[in-house]
N, C-alpha and C. Protein backbone atom coordinates (compact mmCIF):
# COMPACT_ATOMS: atom_id res chain seq x y z
N MET A 1 -1.88 21.28 -92.62
CA MET A 1 -0.54 21.84 -92.57
C MET A 1 0.46 20.69 -92.42
N ALA A 2 1.45 20.68 -93.23
CA ALA A 2 2.49 19.65 -93.18
C ALA A 2 3.36 19.88 -91.96
N SER A 3 3.92 18.80 -91.49
CA SER A 3 4.79 18.89 -90.32
C SER A 3 6.03 19.71 -90.66
N ASP A 4 6.35 20.66 -89.77
CA ASP A 4 7.52 21.51 -89.97
C ASP A 4 8.78 20.89 -89.38
N VAL A 5 8.65 19.70 -88.81
CA VAL A 5 9.78 19.07 -88.14
C VAL A 5 10.55 18.23 -89.16
N ASN A 6 11.82 18.46 -89.24
CA ASN A 6 12.70 17.71 -90.11
C ASN A 6 12.96 16.34 -89.48
N PRO A 7 12.68 15.23 -90.18
CA PRO A 7 12.90 13.90 -89.58
C PRO A 7 14.34 13.69 -89.14
N GLN A 8 15.28 14.35 -89.79
CA GLN A 8 16.68 14.22 -89.43
C GLN A 8 16.98 14.87 -88.08
N SER A 9 16.15 15.79 -87.64
CA SER A 9 16.40 16.48 -86.38
C SER A 9 15.74 15.79 -85.18
N GLN A 10 15.02 14.71 -85.43
CA GLN A 10 14.37 13.97 -84.34
C GLN A 10 15.43 13.32 -83.46
N PRO A 11 15.25 13.36 -82.17
CA PRO A 11 16.21 12.67 -81.30
C PRO A 11 16.10 11.16 -81.49
N GLU A 12 17.19 10.47 -81.21
CA GLU A 12 17.17 9.02 -81.31
C GLU A 12 16.26 8.44 -80.24
N ARG A 13 15.79 7.23 -80.50
CA ARG A 13 14.93 6.55 -79.54
C ARG A 13 15.65 6.38 -78.21
N HIS A 14 16.92 6.00 -78.29
CA HIS A 14 17.78 5.91 -77.12
C HIS A 14 19.23 5.89 -77.62
N ALA A 15 20.13 6.02 -76.71
CA ALA A 15 21.54 6.05 -77.09
C ALA A 15 21.96 4.70 -77.67
N PRO A 16 22.85 4.71 -78.66
CA PRO A 16 23.31 3.45 -79.28
C PRO A 16 23.98 2.50 -78.29
N VAL A 17 24.51 3.05 -77.21
CA VAL A 17 25.18 2.19 -76.23
C VAL A 17 24.23 1.12 -75.68
N TYR A 18 22.94 1.44 -75.60
CA TYR A 18 21.98 0.47 -75.08
C TYR A 18 21.83 -0.72 -76.03
N ASP A 19 21.83 -0.45 -77.32
CA ASP A 19 21.75 -1.55 -78.28
C ASP A 19 23.00 -2.42 -78.20
N GLU A 20 24.14 -1.80 -78.02
CA GLU A 20 25.39 -2.55 -77.92
C GLU A 20 25.43 -3.39 -76.64
N LEU A 21 24.94 -2.82 -75.55
CA LEU A 21 24.89 -3.58 -74.29
C LEU A 21 23.91 -4.74 -74.39
N ALA A 22 22.77 -4.51 -75.04
CA ALA A 22 21.77 -5.56 -75.18
C ALA A 22 22.28 -6.71 -76.04
N ALA A 23 23.23 -6.43 -76.92
CA ALA A 23 23.80 -7.47 -77.78
C ALA A 23 24.97 -8.19 -77.11
N ALA A 24 25.41 -7.70 -75.96
CA ALA A 24 26.56 -8.29 -75.28
C ALA A 24 26.23 -9.67 -74.73
N PRO A 25 27.17 -10.59 -74.76
CA PRO A 25 26.92 -11.93 -74.21
C PRO A 25 26.61 -11.90 -72.71
N GLU A 26 27.18 -10.93 -72.00
CA GLU A 26 26.89 -10.81 -70.57
C GLU A 26 25.42 -10.49 -70.33
N PHE A 27 24.84 -9.65 -71.19
CA PHE A 27 23.43 -9.30 -71.05
C PHE A 27 22.54 -10.51 -71.33
N THR A 28 22.90 -11.26 -72.36
CA THR A 28 22.14 -12.48 -72.67
C THR A 28 22.21 -13.46 -71.51
N GLU A 29 23.38 -13.61 -70.93
CA GLU A 29 23.55 -14.51 -69.78
C GLU A 29 22.77 -13.99 -68.57
N LEU A 30 22.79 -12.69 -68.36
CA LEU A 30 22.05 -12.09 -67.25
C LEU A 30 20.55 -12.38 -67.39
N ARG A 31 20.03 -12.19 -68.57
CA ARG A 31 18.61 -12.47 -68.80
C ARG A 31 18.29 -13.95 -68.63
N ARG A 32 19.18 -14.81 -69.13
CA ARG A 32 18.97 -16.27 -69.01
C ARG A 32 18.94 -16.69 -67.55
N LEU A 33 19.89 -16.20 -66.77
CA LEU A 33 19.94 -16.55 -65.35
C LEU A 33 18.73 -16.02 -64.60
N TYR A 34 18.36 -14.77 -64.89
CA TYR A 34 17.20 -14.16 -64.23
C TYR A 34 15.93 -14.97 -64.52
N ARG A 35 15.70 -15.25 -65.78
CA ARG A 35 14.51 -16.01 -66.15
C ARG A 35 14.55 -17.43 -65.59
N GLY A 36 15.75 -17.99 -65.53
CA GLY A 36 15.90 -19.35 -65.00
C GLY A 36 15.52 -19.46 -63.53
N PHE A 37 15.61 -18.37 -62.81
CA PHE A 37 15.19 -18.37 -61.40
C PHE A 37 13.74 -17.91 -61.26
N VAL A 38 13.43 -16.78 -61.87
CA VAL A 38 12.14 -16.13 -61.62
C VAL A 38 10.96 -16.93 -62.17
N PHE A 39 11.06 -17.45 -63.37
CA PHE A 39 9.92 -18.16 -63.94
C PHE A 39 9.56 -19.42 -63.15
N PRO A 40 10.52 -20.31 -62.85
CA PRO A 40 10.16 -21.48 -62.04
C PRO A 40 9.69 -21.12 -60.63
N ALA A 41 10.33 -20.13 -60.02
CA ALA A 41 9.92 -19.74 -58.67
C ALA A 41 8.51 -19.18 -58.67
N THR A 42 8.19 -18.38 -59.66
CA THR A 42 6.83 -17.82 -59.76
C THR A 42 5.81 -18.92 -60.01
N LEU A 43 6.13 -19.83 -60.90
CA LEU A 43 5.23 -20.94 -61.19
C LEU A 43 5.01 -21.81 -59.94
N ALA A 44 6.08 -22.09 -59.21
CA ALA A 44 5.96 -22.90 -58.00
C ALA A 44 5.12 -22.19 -56.95
N PHE A 45 5.37 -20.90 -56.76
CA PHE A 45 4.61 -20.17 -55.74
C PHE A 45 3.13 -20.07 -56.12
N LEU A 46 2.85 -19.75 -57.38
CA LEU A 46 1.45 -19.64 -57.79
C LEU A 46 0.74 -20.99 -57.72
N SER A 47 1.44 -22.07 -58.03
CA SER A 47 0.85 -23.41 -57.90
C SER A 47 0.53 -23.71 -56.44
N TRP A 48 1.46 -23.39 -55.56
CA TRP A 48 1.28 -23.60 -54.12
C TRP A 48 0.09 -22.77 -53.62
N TYR A 49 -0.02 -21.52 -54.07
CA TYR A 49 -1.13 -20.66 -53.67
C TYR A 49 -2.45 -21.20 -54.22
N LEU A 50 -2.45 -21.64 -55.48
CA LEU A 50 -3.66 -22.20 -56.08
C LEU A 50 -4.09 -23.46 -55.34
N LEU A 51 -3.13 -24.28 -54.94
CA LEU A 51 -3.45 -25.47 -54.14
C LEU A 51 -4.17 -25.06 -52.85
N TYR A 52 -3.67 -24.04 -52.19
CA TYR A 52 -4.28 -23.53 -50.96
C TYR A 52 -5.73 -23.09 -51.22
N ILE A 53 -5.94 -22.35 -52.30
CA ILE A 53 -7.29 -21.87 -52.63
C ILE A 53 -8.21 -23.05 -52.95
N LEU A 54 -7.73 -23.97 -53.78
CA LEU A 54 -8.57 -25.12 -54.16
C LEU A 54 -8.89 -25.99 -52.96
N MET A 55 -7.89 -26.23 -52.12
CA MET A 55 -8.13 -27.05 -50.93
C MET A 55 -9.13 -26.36 -49.99
N SER A 56 -9.03 -25.04 -49.89
CA SER A 56 -9.98 -24.31 -49.02
C SER A 56 -11.40 -24.41 -49.55
N ASN A 57 -11.55 -24.43 -50.87
CA ASN A 57 -12.89 -24.48 -51.46
C ASN A 57 -13.46 -25.88 -51.56
N TYR A 58 -12.62 -26.87 -51.88
CA TYR A 58 -13.14 -28.19 -52.20
C TYR A 58 -12.75 -29.30 -51.22
N ALA A 59 -11.89 -29.00 -50.28
CA ALA A 59 -11.51 -30.01 -49.29
C ALA A 59 -11.70 -29.44 -47.89
N GLY A 60 -12.89 -28.95 -47.66
CA GLY A 60 -13.19 -28.30 -46.39
C GLY A 60 -12.99 -29.19 -45.18
N GLY A 61 -13.34 -30.45 -45.31
CA GLY A 61 -13.16 -31.37 -44.20
C GLY A 61 -11.70 -31.52 -43.81
N PHE A 62 -10.83 -31.64 -44.81
CA PHE A 62 -9.40 -31.75 -44.54
C PHE A 62 -8.85 -30.46 -43.97
N MET A 63 -9.25 -29.34 -44.57
CA MET A 63 -8.72 -28.05 -44.12
C MET A 63 -9.23 -27.69 -42.71
N ASN A 64 -10.38 -28.21 -42.33
CA ASN A 64 -10.92 -27.94 -40.99
C ASN A 64 -10.36 -28.87 -39.92
N HIS A 65 -9.58 -29.83 -40.31
CA HIS A 65 -9.01 -30.78 -39.36
C HIS A 65 -8.16 -30.04 -38.32
N GLN A 66 -8.52 -30.24 -37.05
CA GLN A 66 -7.79 -29.59 -35.95
C GLN A 66 -6.45 -30.29 -35.73
N LEU A 67 -5.37 -29.53 -35.69
CA LEU A 67 -4.05 -30.09 -35.44
C LEU A 67 -3.70 -29.98 -33.96
N VAL A 68 -3.75 -28.76 -33.44
CA VAL A 68 -3.46 -28.50 -32.02
C VAL A 68 -4.41 -27.41 -31.55
N GLY A 69 -5.23 -27.70 -30.59
CA GLY A 69 -6.17 -26.69 -30.09
C GLY A 69 -7.06 -26.18 -31.21
N ASN A 70 -7.07 -24.86 -31.39
CA ASN A 70 -7.88 -24.25 -32.44
C ASN A 70 -7.10 -24.07 -33.75
N ILE A 71 -5.92 -24.61 -33.84
CA ILE A 71 -5.12 -24.49 -35.06
C ILE A 71 -5.47 -25.63 -35.99
N ASN A 72 -5.97 -25.26 -37.18
CA ASN A 72 -6.35 -26.28 -38.16
C ASN A 72 -5.42 -26.23 -39.36
N VAL A 73 -5.63 -27.16 -40.28
CA VAL A 73 -4.78 -27.28 -41.46
C VAL A 73 -4.84 -26.00 -42.30
N ALA A 74 -6.00 -25.41 -42.44
CA ALA A 74 -6.16 -24.20 -43.24
C ALA A 74 -5.29 -23.06 -42.69
N LEU A 75 -5.25 -22.91 -41.39
CA LEU A 75 -4.44 -21.86 -40.78
C LEU A 75 -2.96 -22.11 -41.04
N VAL A 76 -2.55 -23.35 -40.92
CA VAL A 76 -1.14 -23.69 -41.18
C VAL A 76 -0.81 -23.42 -42.64
N PHE A 77 -1.68 -23.83 -43.57
CA PHE A 77 -1.44 -23.54 -45.00
C PHE A 77 -1.34 -22.04 -45.23
N GLY A 78 -2.22 -21.28 -44.63
CA GLY A 78 -2.21 -19.82 -44.79
C GLY A 78 -0.92 -19.21 -44.27
N LEU A 79 -0.47 -19.64 -43.11
CA LEU A 79 0.77 -19.12 -42.56
C LEU A 79 1.97 -19.55 -43.40
N LEU A 80 1.91 -20.74 -43.95
CA LEU A 80 3.00 -21.20 -44.82
C LEU A 80 3.11 -20.37 -46.10
N GLN A 81 2.02 -19.71 -46.50
CA GLN A 81 2.10 -18.80 -47.64
C GLN A 81 3.07 -17.65 -47.34
N PHE A 82 2.98 -17.13 -46.13
CA PHE A 82 3.91 -16.06 -45.72
C PHE A 82 5.33 -16.57 -45.65
N VAL A 83 5.51 -17.74 -45.09
CA VAL A 83 6.85 -18.34 -44.98
C VAL A 83 7.44 -18.52 -46.38
N THR A 84 6.63 -19.03 -47.29
CA THR A 84 7.08 -19.25 -48.66
C THR A 84 7.48 -17.93 -49.32
N THR A 85 6.70 -16.89 -49.10
CA THR A 85 7.01 -15.58 -49.68
C THR A 85 8.36 -15.08 -49.20
N PHE A 86 8.58 -15.12 -47.90
CA PHE A 86 9.85 -14.64 -47.35
C PHE A 86 11.01 -15.55 -47.76
N LEU A 87 10.78 -16.84 -47.84
CA LEU A 87 11.82 -17.76 -48.27
C LEU A 87 12.24 -17.48 -49.72
N LEU A 88 11.26 -17.28 -50.59
CA LEU A 88 11.58 -16.96 -51.99
C LEU A 88 12.32 -15.63 -52.11
N ALA A 89 11.92 -14.64 -51.32
CA ALA A 89 12.61 -13.35 -51.35
C ALA A 89 14.06 -13.52 -50.90
N TRP A 90 14.28 -14.30 -49.87
CA TRP A 90 15.64 -14.53 -49.36
C TRP A 90 16.47 -15.30 -50.39
N LEU A 91 15.89 -16.34 -50.98
CA LEU A 91 16.60 -17.12 -51.99
C LEU A 91 16.94 -16.26 -53.21
N TYR A 92 16.00 -15.43 -53.63
CA TYR A 92 16.28 -14.56 -54.77
C TYR A 92 17.39 -13.56 -54.44
N SER A 93 17.39 -13.04 -53.24
CA SER A 93 18.43 -12.10 -52.83
C SER A 93 19.81 -12.76 -52.90
N ARG A 94 19.91 -13.97 -52.38
CA ARG A 94 21.18 -14.70 -52.44
C ARG A 94 21.58 -15.01 -53.88
N PHE A 95 20.62 -15.46 -54.67
CA PHE A 95 20.88 -15.77 -56.07
C PHE A 95 21.34 -14.52 -56.82
N SER A 96 20.66 -13.42 -56.59
CA SER A 96 20.99 -12.17 -57.26
C SER A 96 22.39 -11.70 -56.89
N GLU A 97 22.71 -11.74 -55.61
CA GLU A 97 24.03 -11.30 -55.17
C GLU A 97 25.15 -12.15 -55.77
N SER A 98 24.92 -13.44 -55.89
CA SER A 98 26.00 -14.31 -56.36
C SER A 98 26.07 -14.44 -57.88
N LYS A 99 24.96 -14.38 -58.56
CA LYS A 99 24.93 -14.66 -60.00
C LYS A 99 24.62 -13.43 -60.86
N LEU A 100 23.61 -12.65 -60.48
CA LEU A 100 23.15 -11.55 -61.32
C LEU A 100 23.96 -10.28 -61.14
N ASP A 101 24.24 -9.92 -59.90
CA ASP A 101 24.93 -8.66 -59.63
C ASP A 101 26.30 -8.56 -60.28
N PRO A 102 27.13 -9.62 -60.28
CA PRO A 102 28.43 -9.50 -60.96
C PRO A 102 28.29 -9.18 -62.45
N LEU A 103 27.34 -9.83 -63.12
CA LEU A 103 27.12 -9.55 -64.54
C LEU A 103 26.59 -8.14 -64.76
N ALA A 104 25.68 -7.74 -63.88
CA ALA A 104 25.12 -6.39 -64.00
C ALA A 104 26.21 -5.34 -63.76
N ARG A 105 27.13 -5.60 -62.84
CA ARG A 105 28.24 -4.66 -62.61
C ARG A 105 29.15 -4.58 -63.83
N GLN A 106 29.41 -5.73 -64.47
CA GLN A 106 30.22 -5.72 -65.69
C GLN A 106 29.57 -4.86 -66.76
N LEU A 107 28.28 -5.05 -66.95
CA LEU A 107 27.56 -4.26 -67.96
C LEU A 107 27.55 -2.78 -67.59
N ASN A 108 27.37 -2.48 -66.31
CA ASN A 108 27.37 -1.09 -65.88
C ASN A 108 28.74 -0.44 -66.10
N ASP A 109 29.81 -1.19 -65.83
CA ASP A 109 31.14 -0.66 -66.06
C ASP A 109 31.34 -0.35 -67.55
N ARG A 110 30.89 -1.26 -68.40
CA ARG A 110 31.00 -1.02 -69.85
C ARG A 110 30.19 0.21 -70.26
N TYR A 111 29.02 0.37 -69.66
CA TYR A 111 28.17 1.53 -69.98
C TYR A 111 28.87 2.81 -69.55
N GLU A 112 29.41 2.83 -68.34
CA GLU A 112 30.05 4.05 -67.84
C GLU A 112 31.31 4.40 -68.64
N LYS A 113 31.98 3.40 -69.18
CA LYS A 113 33.16 3.65 -70.00
C LYS A 113 32.78 4.00 -71.43
N GLY A 114 31.50 3.87 -71.74
CA GLY A 114 31.05 4.16 -73.11
C GLY A 114 31.41 3.06 -74.08
N LEU A 115 31.54 1.85 -73.54
CA LEU A 115 31.93 0.66 -74.31
C LEU A 115 33.30 0.90 -74.80
């Protein structure tokens, strides 16, 4: 049985306003700024985490070195993973508020006005 649905009656994939917003220079700048922060930060954090894993596996003597009492290098590295996570979240929050949010508000205003 052939389809009874008229191709002309199919709803659009999305509203045309989205294509117009995606073509806006503000959107391009928003994406550039976002990627400029997120990609290097992710690469740095994953490298730092991989260093921790590799050091734990292949530099056991160094990681077992006692610093103070029962606190060794491995414990400090592990705790620094948490510090790094919270530091990156805080830095991203500040970056987003100062750089990304103003552009996103401009785009949202254009969307609400219907361009």
